Amino acid sequence: LTIAQYMYDKGYHSNLQLNKLVYFSFGFFGAYHKKMHLFDSK
């Protein structure tokens, strides 16, 4: 939710868009940081 708030505050105000951006952030963070999880939520 902190990550989503950060994105929302940057102007991403669509629930659909916000969820996809959170998802992409999770995937790329894990890829670049040796499988670390950006967050624990399902």
PDB file of all heavy atoms in Angstrom:
ATOM      1  N   LEU A   1       0.829  -1.206   0.000  1.00  0.00           N
ATOM      2  CA  LEU A   1       0.000   0.000   0.000  1.00  0.00           C
ATOM      3  C   LEU A   1       0.864   1.257   0.000  1.00  0.00           C
ATOM      4  O   LEU A   1       0.503   2.262  -0.614  1.00  0.00           O
ATOM      5  CB  LEU A   1      -0.967  -0.011   1.181  1.00  0.00           C
ATOM      6  CG  LEU A   1      -1.998  -1.142   1.141  1.00  0.00           C
ATOM      7  CD1 LEU A   1      -2.840  -1.154   2.407  1.00  0.00           C
ATOM      8  CD2 LEU A   1      -2.864  -1.048  -0.106  1.00  0.00           C
ATOM      9  N   THR A   2       2.004   1.201   0.642  1.00  0.00           N
ATOM     10  CA  THR A   2       2.951   2.320   0.601  1.00  0.00           C
ATOM     11  C   THR A   2       3.470   2.505  -0.819  1.00  0.00           C
ATOM     12  O   THR A   2       3.587   3.631  -1.322  1.00  0.00           O
ATOM     13  CB  THR A   2       4.123   2.068   1.571  1.00  0.00           C
ATOM     14  OG1 THR A   2       3.597   1.907   2.889  1.00  0.00           O
ATOM     15  CG2 THR A   2       5.118   3.208   1.548  1.00  0.00           C
ATOM     16  N   ILE A   3       3.766   1.399  -1.492  1.00  0.00           N
ATOM     17  CA  ILE A   3       4.241   1.449  -2.880  1.00  0.00           C
ATOM     18  C   ILE A   3       3.152   2.020  -3.780  1.00  0.00           C
ATOM     19  O   ILE A   3       3.410   2.896  -4.616  1.00  0.00           O
ATOM     20  CB  ILE A   3       4.683   0.044  -3.347  1.00  0.00           C
ATOM     21  CG1 ILE A   3       5.930  -0.393  -2.567  1.00  0.00           C
ATOM     22  CG2 ILE A   3       4.921   0.003  -4.853  1.00  0.00           C
ATOM     23  CD1 ILE A   3       6.254  -1.864  -2.675  1.00  0.00           C
ATOM     24  N   ALA A   4       1.928   1.538  -3.608  1.00  0.00           N
ATOM     25  CA  ALA A   4       0.810   2.037  -4.417  1.00  0.00           C
ATOM     26  C   ALA A   4       0.557   3.520  -4.145  1.00  0.00           C
ATOM     27  O   ALA A   4       0.273   4.288  -5.072  1.00  0.00           O
ATOM     28  CB  ALA A   4      -0.448   1.216  -4.146  1.00  0.00           C
ATOM     29  N   GLN A   5       0.680   3.934  -2.887  1.00  0.00           N
ATOM     30  CA  GLN A   5       0.504   5.352  -2.553  1.00  0.00           C
ATOM     31  C   GLN A   5       1.578   6.193  -3.248  1.00  0.00           C
ATOM     32  O   GLN A   5       1.284   7.260  -3.784  1.00  0.00           O
ATOM     33  CB  GLN A   5       0.592   5.562  -1.035  1.00  0.00           C
ATOM     34  CG  GLN A   5       0.370   7.005  -0.610  1.00  0.00           C
ATOM     35  CD  GLN A   5      -1.090   7.418  -0.698  1.00  0.00           C
ATOM     36  OE1 GLN A   5      -1.939   6.837  -0.026  1.00  0.00           O
ATOM     37  NE2 GLN A   5      -1.384   8.409  -1.518  1.00  0.00           N
ATOM     38  N   TYR A   6       2.806   5.706  -3.255  1.00  0.00           N
ATOM     39  CA  TYR A   6       3.914   6.391  -3.937  1.00  0.00           C
ATOM     40  C   TYR A   6       3.572   6.597  -5.415  1.00  0.00           C
ATOM     41  O   TYR A   6       3.748   7.685  -5.968  1.00  0.00           O
ATOM     42  CB  TYR A   6       5.192   5.562  -3.767  1.00  0.00           C
ATOM     43  CG  TYR A   6       6.408   6.103  -4.465  1.00  0.00           C
ATOM     44  CD1 TYR A   6       7.138   7.151  -3.912  1.00  0.00           C
ATOM     45  CD2 TYR A   6       6.851   5.546  -5.668  1.00  0.00           C
ATOM     46  CE1 TYR A   6       8.279   7.641  -4.541  1.00  0.00           C
ATOM     47  CE2 TYR A   6       7.984   6.033  -6.293  1.00  0.00           C
ATOM     48  CZ  TYR A   6       8.696   7.079  -5.730  1.00  0.00           C
ATOM     49  OH  TYR A   6       9.809   7.561  -6.366  1.00  0.00           O
ATOM     50  N   MET A   7       3.043   5.548  -6.046  1.00  0.00           N
ATOM     51  CA  MET A   7       2.664   5.639  -7.460  1.00  0.00           C
ATOM     52  C   MET A   7       1.471   6.577  -7.649  1.00  0.00           C
ATOM     53  O   MET A   7       1.454   7.385  -8.576  1.00  0.00           O
ATOM     54  CB  MET A   7       2.333   4.246  -8.002  1.00  0.00           C
ATOM     55  CG  MET A   7       3.503   3.319  -8.064  1.00  0.00           C
ATOM     56  SD  MET A   7       2.954   1.677  -8.580  1.00  0.00           S
ATOM     57  CE  MET A   7       4.524   0.854  -8.774  1.00  0.00           C
ATOM     58  N   TYR A   8       0.499   6.450  -6.783  1.00  0.00           N
ATOM     59  CA  TYR A   8      -0.692   7.300  -6.856  1.00  0.00           C
ATOM     60  C   TYR A   8      -0.292   8.766  -6.753  1.00  0.00           C
ATOM     61  O   TYR A   8      -0.781   9.612  -7.506  1.00  0.00           O
ATOM     62  CB  TYR A   8      -1.662   6.913  -5.736  1.00  0.00           C
ATOM     63  CG  TYR A   8      -2.997   7.605  -5.831  1.00  0.00           C
ATOM     64  CD1 TYR A   8      -4.029   7.043  -6.576  1.00  0.00           C
ATOM     65  CD2 TYR A   8      -3.222   8.814  -5.183  1.00  0.00           C
ATOM     66  CE1 TYR A   8      -5.263   7.672  -6.667  1.00  0.00           C
ATOM     67  CE2 TYR A   8      -4.450   9.449  -5.273  1.00  0.00           C
ATOM     68  CZ  TYR A   8      -5.471   8.872  -6.014  1.00  0.00           C
ATOM     69  OH  TYR A   8      -6.688   9.506  -6.120  1.00  0.00           O
ATOM     70  N   ASP A   9       0.598   9.069  -5.827  1.00  0.00           N
ATOM     71  CA  ASP A   9       1.051  10.446  -5.633  1.00  0.00           C
ATOM     72  C   ASP A   9       1.815  10.977  -6.847  1.00  0.00           C
ATOM     73  O   ASP A   9       1.940  12.185  -7.025  1.00  0.00           O
ATOM     74  CB  ASP A   9       1.922  10.558  -4.381  1.00  0.00           C
ATOM     75  CG  ASP A   9       1.123  10.359  -3.098  1.00  0.00           C
ATOM     76  OD1 ASP A   9      -0.127  10.397  -3.150  1.00  0.00           O
ATOM     77  OD2 ASP A   9       1.756  10.160  -2.039  1.00  0.00           O
ATOM     78  N   LYS A  10       2.301  10.079  -7.686  1.00  0.00           N
ATOM     79  CA  LYS A  10       2.994  10.484  -8.916  1.00  0.00           C
ATOM     80  C   LYS A  10       2.023  10.619 -10.092  1.00  0.00           C
ATOM     81  O   LYS A  10       2.446  10.842 -11.211  1.00  0.00           O
ATOM     82  CB  LYS A  10       4.109   9.502  -9.246  1.00  0.00           C
ATOM     83  CG  LYS A  10       5.303   9.633  -8.299  1.00  0.00           C
ATOM     84  CD  LYS A  10       6.445   8.772  -8.771  1.00  0.00           C
ATOM     85  CE  LYS A  10       7.691   9.104  -8.021  1.00  0.00           C
ATOM     86  NZ  LYS A  10       8.513  10.115  -8.671  1.00  0.00           N
ATOM     87  N   GLY A  11       0.729  10.440  -9.828  1.00  0.00           N
ATOM     88  CA  GLY A  11      -0.270  10.705 -10.853  1.00  0.00           C
ATOM     89  C   GLY A  11      -0.937   9.496 -11.486  1.00  0.00           C
ATOM     90  O   GLY A  11      -1.664   9.631 -12.466  1.00  0.00           O
ATOM     91  N   TYR A  12      -0.745   8.316 -10.934  1.00  0.00           N
ATOM     92  CA  TYR A  12      -1.351   7.110 -11.499  1.00  0.00           C
ATOM     93  C   TYR A  12      -2.637   6.817 -10.723  1.00  0.00           C
ATOM     94  O   TYR A  12      -2.602   6.240  -9.643  1.00  0.00           O
ATOM     95  CB  TYR A  12      -0.340   5.949 -11.465  1.00  0.00           C
ATOM     96  CG  TYR A  12       0.879   6.320 -12.260  1.00  0.00           C
ATOM     97  CD1 TYR A  12       1.994   6.863 -11.644  1.00  0.00           C
ATOM     98  CD2 TYR A  12       0.866   6.216 -13.642  1.00  0.00           C
ATOM     99  CE1 TYR A  12       3.099   7.257 -12.393  1.00  0.00           C
ATOM    100  CE2 TYR A  12       1.961   6.613 -14.398  1.00  0.00           C
ATOM    101  CZ  TYR A  12       3.067   7.128 -13.763  1.00  0.00           C
ATOM    102  OH  TYR A  12       4.155   7.540 -14.504  1.00  0.00           O
ATOM    103  N   HIS A  13      -3.773   7.251 -11.304  1.00  0.00           N
ATOM    104  CA  HIS A  13      -5.041   7.260 -10.580  1.00  0.00           C
ATOM    105  C   HIS A  13      -6.079   6.296 -11.137  1.00  0.00           C
ATOM    106  O   HIS A  13      -7.268   6.510 -10.967  1.00  0.00           O
ATOM    107  CB  HIS A  13      -5.617   8.679 -10.553  1.00  0.00           C
ATOM    108  CG  HIS A  13      -4.738   9.636  -9.815  1.00  0.00           C
ATOM    109  ND1 HIS A  13      -4.862  10.990  -9.933  1.00  0.00           N
ATOM    110  CD2 HIS A  13      -3.716   9.440  -8.951  1.00  0.00           C
ATOM    111  CE1 HIS A  13      -3.962  11.588  -9.180  1.00  0.00           C
ATOM    112  NE2 HIS A  13      -3.255  10.665  -8.565  1.00  0.00           N
ATOM    113  N   SER A  14      -5.657   5.259 -11.796  1.00  0.00           N
ATOM    114  CA  SER A  14      -6.565   4.216 -12.268  1.00  0.00           C
ATOM    115  C   SER A  14      -6.248   2.947 -11.481  1.00  0.00           C
ATOM    116  O   SER A  14      -5.086   2.544 -11.391  1.00  0.00           O
ATOM    117  CB  SER A  14      -6.343   3.993 -13.770  1.00  0.00           C
ATOM    118  OG  SER A  14      -6.731   2.696 -14.156  1.00  0.00           O
ATOM    119  N   ASN A  15      -7.271   2.320 -10.914  1.00  0.00           N
ATOM    120  CA  ASN A  15      -7.069   1.090 -10.158  1.00  0.00           C
ATOM    121  C   ASN A  15      -6.420   0.024 -11.039  1.00  0.00           C
ATOM    122  O   ASN A  15      -5.491  -0.658 -10.621  1.00  0.00           O
ATOM    123  CB  ASN A  15      -8.407   0.595  -9.594  1.00  0.00           C
ATOM    124  CG  ASN A  15      -8.241  -0.313  -8.396  1.00  0.00           C
ATOM    125  OD1 ASN A  15      -7.168  -0.820  -8.105  1.00  0.00           O
ATOM    126  ND2 ASN A  15      -9.336  -0.514  -7.671  1.00  0.00           N
ATOM    127  N   LEU A  16      -6.900  -0.091 -12.267  1.00  0.00           N
ATOM    128  CA  LEU A  16      -6.356  -1.063 -13.204  1.00  0.00           C
ATOM    129  C   LEU A  16      -4.873  -0.797 -13.449  1.00  0.00           C
ATOM    130  O   LEU A  16      -4.038  -1.701 -13.355  1.00  0.00           O
ATOM    131  CB  LEU A  16      -7.145  -0.984 -14.518  1.00  0.00           C
ATOM    132  CG  LEU A  16      -6.860  -2.059 -15.540  1.00  0.00           C
ATOM    133  CD1 LEU A  16      -7.654  -3.303 -15.197  1.00  0.00           C
ATOM    134  CD2 LEU A  16      -7.257  -1.568 -16.918  1.00  0.00           C
ATOM    135  N   GLN A  17      -4.549   0.448 -13.760  1.00  0.00           N
ATOM    136  CA  GLN A  17      -3.170   0.827 -14.047  1.00  0.00           C
ATOM    137  C   GLN A  17      -2.287   0.656 -12.808  1.00  0.00           C
ATOM    138  O   GLN A  17      -1.179   0.119 -12.898  1.00  0.00           O
ATOM    139  CB  GLN A  17      -3.140   2.274 -14.528  1.00  0.00           C
ATOM    140  CG  GLN A  17      -1.776   2.768 -14.937  1.00  0.00           C
ATOM    141  CD  GLN A  17      -1.823   4.230 -15.341  1.00  0.00           C
ATOM    142  OE1 GLN A  17      -2.503   5.032 -14.697  1.00  0.00           O
ATOM    143  NE2 GLN A  17      -1.124   4.563 -16.405  1.00  0.00           N
ATOM    144  N   LEU A  18      -2.765   1.087 -11.679  1.00  0.00           N
ATOM    145  CA  LEU A  18      -1.986   1.009 -10.451  1.00  0.00           C
ATOM    146  C   LEU A  18      -1.624  -0.440 -10.126  1.00  0.00           C
ATOM    147  O   LEU A  18      -0.473  -0.743  -9.795  1.00  0.00           O
ATOM    148  CB  LEU A  18      -2.797   1.628  -9.312  1.00  0.00           C
ATOM    149  CG  LEU A  18      -2.061   2.100  -8.080  1.00  0.00           C
ATOM    150  CD1 LEU A  18      -0.985   3.112  -8.418  1.00  0.00           C
ATOM    151  CD2 LEU A  18      -3.055   2.722  -7.103  1.00  0.00           C
ATOM    152  N   ASN A  19      -2.584  -1.345 -10.268  1.00  0.00           N
ATOM    153  CA  ASN A  19      -2.302  -2.751  -9.991  1.00  0.00           C
ATOM    154  C   ASN A  19      -1.284  -3.339 -10.952  1.00  0.00           C
ATOM    155  O   ASN A  19      -0.425  -4.121 -10.547  1.00  0.00           O
ATOM    156  CB  ASN A  19      -3.590  -3.574  -9.988  1.00  0.00           C
ATOM    157  CG  ASN A  19      -4.130  -3.733  -8.598  1.00  0.00           C
ATOM    158  OD1 ASN A  19      -3.582  -4.487  -7.798  1.00  0.00           O
ATOM    159  ND2 ASN A  19      -5.183  -2.997  -8.281  1.00  0.00           N
ATOM    160  N   LYS A  20      -1.347  -2.965 -12.217  1.00  0.00           N
ATOM    161  CA  LYS A  20      -0.370  -3.498 -13.169  1.00  0.00           C
ATOM    162  C   LYS A  20       1.025  -2.937 -12.874  1.00  0.00           C
ATOM    163  O   LYS A  20       2.024  -3.654 -12.956  1.00  0.00           O
ATOM    164  CB  LYS A  20      -0.756  -3.178 -14.623  1.00  0.00           C
ATOM    165  CG  LYS A  20      -2.111  -3.696 -15.074  1.00  0.00           C
ATOM    166  CD  LYS A  20      -2.360  -5.147 -14.731  1.00  0.00           C
ATOM    167  CE  LYS A  20      -3.824  -5.470 -14.703  1.00  0.00           C
ATOM    168  NZ  LYS A  20      -4.490  -5.329 -13.413  1.00  0.00           N
ATOM    169  N   LEU A  21       1.106  -1.665 -12.524  1.00  0.00           N
ATOM    170  CA  LEU A  21       2.403  -1.052 -12.218  1.00  0.00           C
ATOM    171  C   LEU A  21       3.013  -1.644 -10.947  1.00  0.00           C
ATOM    172  O   LEU A  21       4.232  -1.863 -10.886  1.00  0.00           O
ATOM    173  CB  LEU A  21       2.259   0.462 -12.107  1.00  0.00           C
ATOM    174  CG  LEU A  21       1.866   1.173 -13.410  1.00  0.00           C
ATOM    175  CD1 LEU A  21       1.547   2.645 -13.136  1.00  0.00           C
ATOM    176  CD2 LEU A  21       2.942   1.041 -14.477  1.00  0.00           C
ATOM    177  N   VAL A  22       2.190  -1.946  -9.969  1.00  0.00           N
ATOM    178  CA  VAL A  22       2.664  -2.618  -8.751  1.00  0.00           C
ATOM    179  C   VAL A  22       3.208  -3.998  -9.114  1.00  0.00           C
ATOM    180  O   VAL A  22       4.280  -4.412  -8.659  1.00  0.00           O
ATOM    181  CB  VAL A  22       1.531  -2.707  -7.700  1.00  0.00           C
ATOM    182  CG1 VAL A  22       1.869  -3.699  -6.598  1.00  0.00           C
ATOM    183  CG2 VAL A  22       1.241  -1.333  -7.116  1.00  0.00           C
ATOM    184  N   TYR A  23       2.480  -4.708  -9.958  1.00  0.00           N
ATOM    185  CA  TYR A  23       2.899  -6.040 -10.408  1.00  0.00           C
ATOM    186  C   TYR A  23       4.228  -5.983 -11.167  1.00  0.00           C
ATOM    187  O   TYR A  23       5.153  -6.760 -10.875  1.00  0.00           O
ATOM    188  CB  TYR A  23       1.796  -6.637 -11.289  1.00  0.00           C
ATOM    189  CG  TYR A  23       2.221  -7.813 -12.114  1.00  0.00           C
ATOM    190  CD1 TYR A  23       2.375  -9.071 -11.537  1.00  0.00           C
ATOM    191  CD2 TYR A  23       2.473  -7.670 -13.474  1.00  0.00           C
ATOM    192  CE1 TYR A  23       2.770 -10.158 -12.300  1.00  0.00           C
ATOM    193  CE2 TYR A  23       2.859  -8.754 -14.243  1.00  0.00           C
ATOM    194  CZ  TYR A  23       3.016  -9.995 -13.652  1.00  0.00           C
ATOM    195  OH  TYR A  23       3.412 -11.061 -14.405  1.00  0.00           O
ATOM    196  N   PHE A  24       4.345  -5.081 -12.130  1.00  0.00           N
ATOM    197  CA  PHE A  24       5.602  -4.963 -12.883  1.00  0.00           C
ATOM    198  C   PHE A  24       6.755  -4.604 -11.947  1.00  0.00           C
ATOM    199  O   PHE A  24       7.863  -5.123 -12.092  1.00  0.00           O
ATOM    200  CB  PHE A  24       5.492  -3.904 -13.985  1.00  0.00           C
ATOM    201  CG  PHE A  24       4.629  -4.296 -15.146  1.00  0.00           C
ATOM    202  CD1 PHE A  24       3.678  -3.409 -15.638  1.00  0.00           C
ATOM    203  CD2 PHE A  24       4.757  -5.523 -15.772  1.00  0.00           C
ATOM    204  CE1 PHE A  24       2.882  -3.746 -16.720  1.00  0.00           C
ATOM    205  CE2 PHE A  24       3.950  -5.876 -16.846  1.00  0.00           C
ATOM    206  CZ  PHE A  24       3.014  -4.978 -17.333  1.00  0.00           C
ATOM    207  N   SER A  25       6.502  -3.724 -11.002  1.00  0.00           N
ATOM    208  CA  SER A  25       7.544  -3.338 -10.044  1.00  0.00           C
ATOM    209  C   SER A  25       8.006  -4.547  -9.238  1.00  0.00           C
ATOM    210  O   SER A  25       9.210  -4.735  -9.018  1.00  0.00           O
ATOM    211  CB  SER A  25       7.038  -2.247  -9.102  1.00  0.00           C
ATOM    212  OG  SER A  25       6.782  -1.059  -9.808  1.00  0.00           O
ATOM    213  N   PHE A  26       7.059  -5.369  -8.821  1.00  0.00           N
ATOM    214  CA  PHE A  26       7.412  -6.583  -8.080  1.00  0.00           C
ATOM    215  C   PHE A  26       8.316  -7.480  -8.922  1.00  0.00           C
ATOM    216  O   PHE A  26       9.358  -7.946  -8.464  1.00  0.00           O
ATOM    217  CB  PHE A  26       6.157  -7.356  -7.656  1.00  0.00           C
ATOM    218  CG  PHE A  26       6.483  -8.619  -6.914  1.00  0.00           C
ATOM    219  CD1 PHE A  26       6.656  -8.588  -5.547  1.00  0.00           C
ATOM    220  CD2 PHE A  26       6.641  -9.815  -7.590  1.00  0.00           C
ATOM    221  CE1 PHE A  26       6.989  -9.748  -4.856  1.00  0.00           C
ATOM    222  CE2 PHE A  26       6.973 -10.977  -6.914  1.00  0.00           C
ATOM    223  CZ  PHE A  26       7.154 -10.946  -5.537  1.00  0.00           C
ATOM    224  N   GLY A  27       7.910  -7.724 -10.170  1.00  0.00           N
ATOM    225  CA  GLY A  27       8.674  -8.621 -11.041  1.00  0.00           C
ATOM    226  C   GLY A  27      10.074  -8.109 -11.340  1.00  0.00           C
ATOM    227  O   GLY A  27      11.055  -8.854 -11.229  1.00  0.00           O
ATOM    228  N   PHE A  28      10.176  -6.850 -11.707  1.00  0.00           N
ATOM    229  CA  PHE A  28      11.493  -6.314 -12.054  1.00  0.00           C
ATOM    230  C   PHE A  28      12.383  -6.151 -10.825  1.00  0.00           C
ATOM    231  O   PHE A  28      13.590  -6.374 -10.909  1.00  0.00           O
ATOM    232  CB  PHE A  28      11.361  -4.991 -12.819  1.00  0.00           C
ATOM    233  CG  PHE A  28      10.974  -5.196 -14.246  1.00  0.00           C
ATOM    234  CD1 PHE A  28       9.718  -4.831 -14.690  1.00  0.00           C
ATOM    235  CD2 PHE A  28      11.848  -5.776 -15.147  1.00  0.00           C
ATOM    236  CE1 PHE A  28       9.340  -5.033 -16.009  1.00  0.00           C
ATOM    237  CE2 PHE A  28      11.495  -5.989 -16.471  1.00  0.00           C
ATOM    238  CZ  PHE A  28      10.231  -5.608 -16.904  1.00  0.00           C
ATOM    239  N   PHE A  29      11.813  -5.782  -9.686  1.00  0.00           N
ATOM    240  CA  PHE A  29      12.619  -5.687  -8.471  1.00  0.00           C
ATOM    241  C   PHE A  29      13.219  -7.052  -8.150  1.00  0.00           C
ATOM    242  O   PHE A  29      14.413  -7.166  -7.855  1.00  0.00           O
ATOM    243  CB  PHE A  29      11.785  -5.164  -7.293  1.00  0.00           C
ATOM    244  CG  PHE A  29      12.604  -4.954  -6.058  1.00  0.00           C
ATOM    245  CD1 PHE A  29      13.310  -3.773  -5.879  1.00  0.00           C
ATOM    246  CD2 PHE A  29      12.673  -5.933  -5.072  1.00  0.00           C
ATOM    247  CE1 PHE A  29      14.079  -3.577  -4.729  1.00  0.00           C
ATOM    248  CE2 PHE A  29      13.434  -5.740  -3.933  1.00  0.00           C
ATOM    249  CZ  PHE A  29      14.142  -4.565  -3.770  1.00  0.00           C
ATOM    250  N   GLY A  30      12.407  -8.088  -8.200  1.00  0.00           N
ATOM    251  CA  GLY A  30      12.898  -9.443  -7.936  1.00  0.00           C
ATOM    252  C   GLY A  30      13.949  -9.884  -8.934  1.00  0.00           C
ATOM    253  O   GLY A  30      14.936 -10.541  -8.579  1.00  0.00           O
ATOM    254  N   ALA A  31      13.767  -9.511 -10.197  1.00  0.00           N
ATOM    255  CA  ALA A  31      14.732  -9.886 -11.236  1.00  0.00           C
ATOM    256  C   ALA A  31      16.078  -9.206 -11.014  1.00  0.00           C
ATOM    257  O   ALA A  31      17.128  -9.828 -11.183  1.00  0.00           O
ATOM    258  CB  ALA A  31      14.179  -9.525 -12.617  1.00  0.00           C
ATOM    259  N   TYR A  32      16.056  -7.953 -10.647  1.00  0.00           N
ATOM    260  CA  TYR A  32      17.300  -7.197 -10.485  1.00  0.00           C
ATOM    261  C   TYR A  32      17.940  -7.343  -9.108  1.00  0.00           C
ATOM    262  O   TYR A  32      19.096  -6.986  -8.927  1.00  0.00           O
ATOM    263  CB  TYR A  32      17.060  -5.710 -10.777  1.00  0.00           C
ATOM    264  CG  TYR A  32      16.971  -5.419 -12.250  1.00  0.00           C
ATOM    265  CD1 TYR A  32      15.782  -4.992 -12.814  1.00  0.00           C
ATOM    266  CD2 TYR A  32      18.071  -5.581 -13.081  1.00  0.00           C
ATOM    267  CE1 TYR A  32      15.693  -4.728 -14.169  1.00  0.00           C
ATOM    268  CE2 TYR A  32      17.996  -5.320 -14.436  1.00  0.00           C
ATOM    269  CZ  TYR A  32      16.805  -4.898 -14.972  1.00  0.00           C
ATOM    270  OH  TYR A  32      16.725  -4.647 -16.315  1.00  0.00           O
ATOM    271  N   HIS A  33      17.206  -7.854  -8.146  1.00  0.00           N
ATOM    272  CA  HIS A  33      17.739  -7.969  -6.783  1.00  0.00           C
ATOM    273  C   HIS A  33      17.761  -9.411  -6.300  1.00  0.00           C
ATOM    274  O   HIS A  33      17.450  -9.704  -5.146  1.00  0.00           O
ATOM    275  CB  HIS A  33      16.945  -7.070  -5.824  1.00  0.00           C
ATOM    276  CG  HIS A  33      17.146  -5.628  -6.099  1.00  0.00           C
ATOM    277  ND1 HIS A  33      16.374  -4.933  -7.004  1.00  0.00           N
ATOM    278  CD2 HIS A  33      18.053  -4.747  -5.635  1.00  0.00           C
ATOM    279  CE1 HIS A  33      16.795  -3.686  -7.072  1.00  0.00           C
ATOM    280  NE2 HIS A  33      17.809  -3.548  -6.260  1.00  0.00           N
ATOM    281  N   LYS A  34      18.086 -10.282  -7.207  1.00  0.00           N
ATOM    282  CA  LYS A  34      18.325 -11.689  -6.876  1.00  0.00           C
ATOM    283  C   LYS A  34      17.196 -12.330  -6.066  1.00  0.00           C
ATOM    284  O   LYS A  34      17.401 -12.839  -4.968  1.00  0.00           O
ATOM    285  CB  LYS A  34      19.655 -11.836  -6.166  1.00  0.00           C
ATOM    286  CG  LYS A  34      20.817 -11.312  -7.003  1.00  0.00           C
ATOM    287  CD  LYS A  34      22.110 -11.725  -6.402  1.00  0.00           C
ATOM    288  CE  LYS A  34      23.322 -11.125  -7.049  1.00  0.00           C
ATOM    289  NZ  LYS A  34      23.407 -10.830  -8.398  1.00  0.00           N
ATOM    290  N   LYS A  35      16.023 -12.246  -6.632  1.00  0.00           N
ATOM    291  CA  LYS A  35      14.836 -12.923  -6.101  1.00  0.00           C
ATOM    292  C   LYS A  35      14.288 -12.343  -4.802  1.00  0.00           C
ATOM    293  O   LYS A  35      13.466 -12.949  -4.143  1.00  0.00           O
ATOM    294  CB  LYS A  35      15.077 -14.423  -5.966  1.00  0.00           C
ATOM    295  CG  LYS A  35      15.427 -15.084  -7.296  1.00  0.00           C
ATOM    296  CD  LYS A  35      15.341 -16.570  -7.206  1.00  0.00           C
ATOM    297  CE  LYS A  35      15.749 -17.222  -8.501  1.00  0.00           C
ATOM    298  NZ  LYS A  35      14.753 -17.226  -9.531  1.00  0.00           N
ATOM    299  N   MET A  36      14.734 -11.153  -4.421  1.00  0.00           N
ATOM    300  CA  MET A  36      14.142 -10.502  -3.249  1.00  0.00           C
ATOM    301  C   MET A  36      12.710 -10.082  -3.583  1.00  0.00           C
ATOM    302  O   MET A  36      12.427  -9.706  -4.712  1.00  0.00           O
ATOM    303  CB  MET A  36      14.947  -9.262  -2.863  1.00  0.00           C
ATOM    304  CG  MET A  36      16.261  -9.562  -2.189  1.00  0.00           C
ATOM    305  SD  MET A  36      17.187  -8.054  -1.806  1.00  0.00           S
ATOM    306  CE  MET A  36      16.017  -7.106  -0.871  1.00  0.00           C
ATOM    307  N   HIS A  37      11.843 -10.150  -2.594  1.00  0.00           N
ATOM    308  CA  HIS A  37      10.451  -9.742  -2.789  1.00  0.00           C
ATOM    309  C   HIS A  37      10.296  -8.274  -2.418  1.00  0.00           C
ATOM    310  O   HIS A  37      10.719  -7.854  -1.342  1.00  0.00           O
ATOM    311  CB  HIS A  37       9.513 -10.575  -1.937  1.00  0.00           C
ATOM    312  CG  HIS A  37       9.432 -11.998  -2.387  1.00  0.00           C
ATOM    313  ND1 HIS A  37       8.537 -12.881  -1.833  1.00  0.00           N
ATOM    314  CD2 HIS A  37      10.108 -12.698  -3.322  1.00  0.00           C
ATOM    315  CE1 HIS A  37       8.668 -14.063  -2.429  1.00  0.00           C
ATOM    316  NE2 HIS A  37       9.624 -13.971  -3.326  1.00  0.00           N
ATOM    317  N   LEU A  38       9.682  -7.510  -3.290  1.00  0.00           N
ATOM    318  CA  LEU A  38       9.415  -6.097  -3.032  1.00  0.00           C
ATOM    319  C   LEU A  38       8.358  -5.933  -1.939  1.00  0.00           C
ATOM    320  O   LEU A  38       8.390  -4.989  -1.163  1.00  0.00           O
ATOM    321  CB  LEU A  38       8.967  -5.416  -4.334  1.00  0.00           C
ATOM    322  CG  LEU A  38       8.685  -3.929  -4.294  1.00  0.00           C
ATOM    323  CD1 LEU A  38       9.939  -3.152  -3.861  1.00  0.00           C
ATOM    324  CD2 LEU A  38       8.218  -3.441  -5.663  1.00  0.00           C
ATOM    325  N   PHE A  39       7.423  -6.869  -1.877  1.00  0.00           N
ATOM    326  CA  PHE A  39       6.379  -6.868  -0.844  1.00  0.00           C
ATOM    327  C   PHE A  39       5.885  -8.293  -0.669  1.00  0.00           C
ATOM    328  O   PHE A  39       6.187  -9.174  -1.485  1.00  0.00           O
ATOM    329  CB  PHE A  39       5.223  -5.925  -1.205  1.00  0.00           C
ATOM    330  CG  PHE A  39       4.616  -6.171  -2.558  1.00  0.00           C
ATOM    331  CD1 PHE A  39       3.670  -7.156  -2.749  1.00  0.00           C
ATOM    332  CD2 PHE A  39       4.993  -5.394  -3.651  1.00  0.00           C
ATOM    333  CE1 PHE A  39       3.103  -7.383  -3.997  1.00  0.00           C
ATOM    334  CE2 PHE A  39       4.436  -5.617  -4.902  1.00  0.00           C
ATOM    335  CZ  PHE A  39       3.485  -6.610  -5.076  1.00  0.00           C
ATOM    336  N   ASP A  40       5.139  -8.528   0.408  1.00  0.00           N
ATOM    337  CA  ASP A  40       4.700  -9.888   0.740  1.00  0.00           C
ATOM    338  C   ASP A  40       3.268 -10.218   0.327  1.00  0.00           C
ATOM    339  O   ASP A  40       2.872 -11.374   0.379  1.00  0.00           O
ATOM    340  CB  ASP A  40       4.832 -10.126   2.252  1.00  0.00           C
ATOM    341  CG  ASP A  40       6.291 -10.138   2.691  1.00  0.00           C
ATOM    342  OD1 ASP A  40       7.145 -10.588   1.910  1.00  0.00           O
ATOM    343  OD2 ASP A  40       6.560  -9.690   3.825  1.00  0.00           O
ATOM    344  N   SER A  41       2.490  -9.244  -0.055  1.00  0.00           N
ATOM    345  CA  SER A  41       1.080  -9.473  -0.393  1.00  0.00           C
ATOM    346  C   SER A  41       0.927 -10.413  -1.583  1.00  0.00           C
ATOM    347  O   SER A  41       1.779 -10.461  -2.472  1.00  0.00           O
ATOM    348  CB  SER A  41       0.406  -8.144  -0.715  1.00  0.00           C
ATOM    349  OG  SER A  41       0.458  -7.291   0.395  1.00  0.00           O
ATOM    350  N   LYS A  42      -0.196 -11.139  -1.593  1.00  0.00           N
ATOM    351  CA  LYS A  42      -0.509 -12.039  -2.705  1.00  0.00           C
ATOM    352  C   LYS A  42      -0.780 -11.240  -3.979  1.00  0.00           C
ATOM    353  O   LYS A  42      -1.389 -10.170  -3.941  1.00  0.00           O
ATOM    354  CB  LYS A  42      -1.771 -12.848  -2.416  1.00  0.00           C
ATOM    355  CG  LYS A  42      -1.629 -13.921  -1.406  1.00  0.00           C
ATOM    356  CD  LYS A  42      -2.975 -14.652  -1.292  1.00  0.00           C
ATOM    357  CE  LYS A  42      -2.951 -15.691  -0.208  1.00  0.00           C
ATOM    358  NZ  LYS A  42      -4.264 -16.357  -0.105  1.00  0.00           N
TER     359      LYS A  42
END
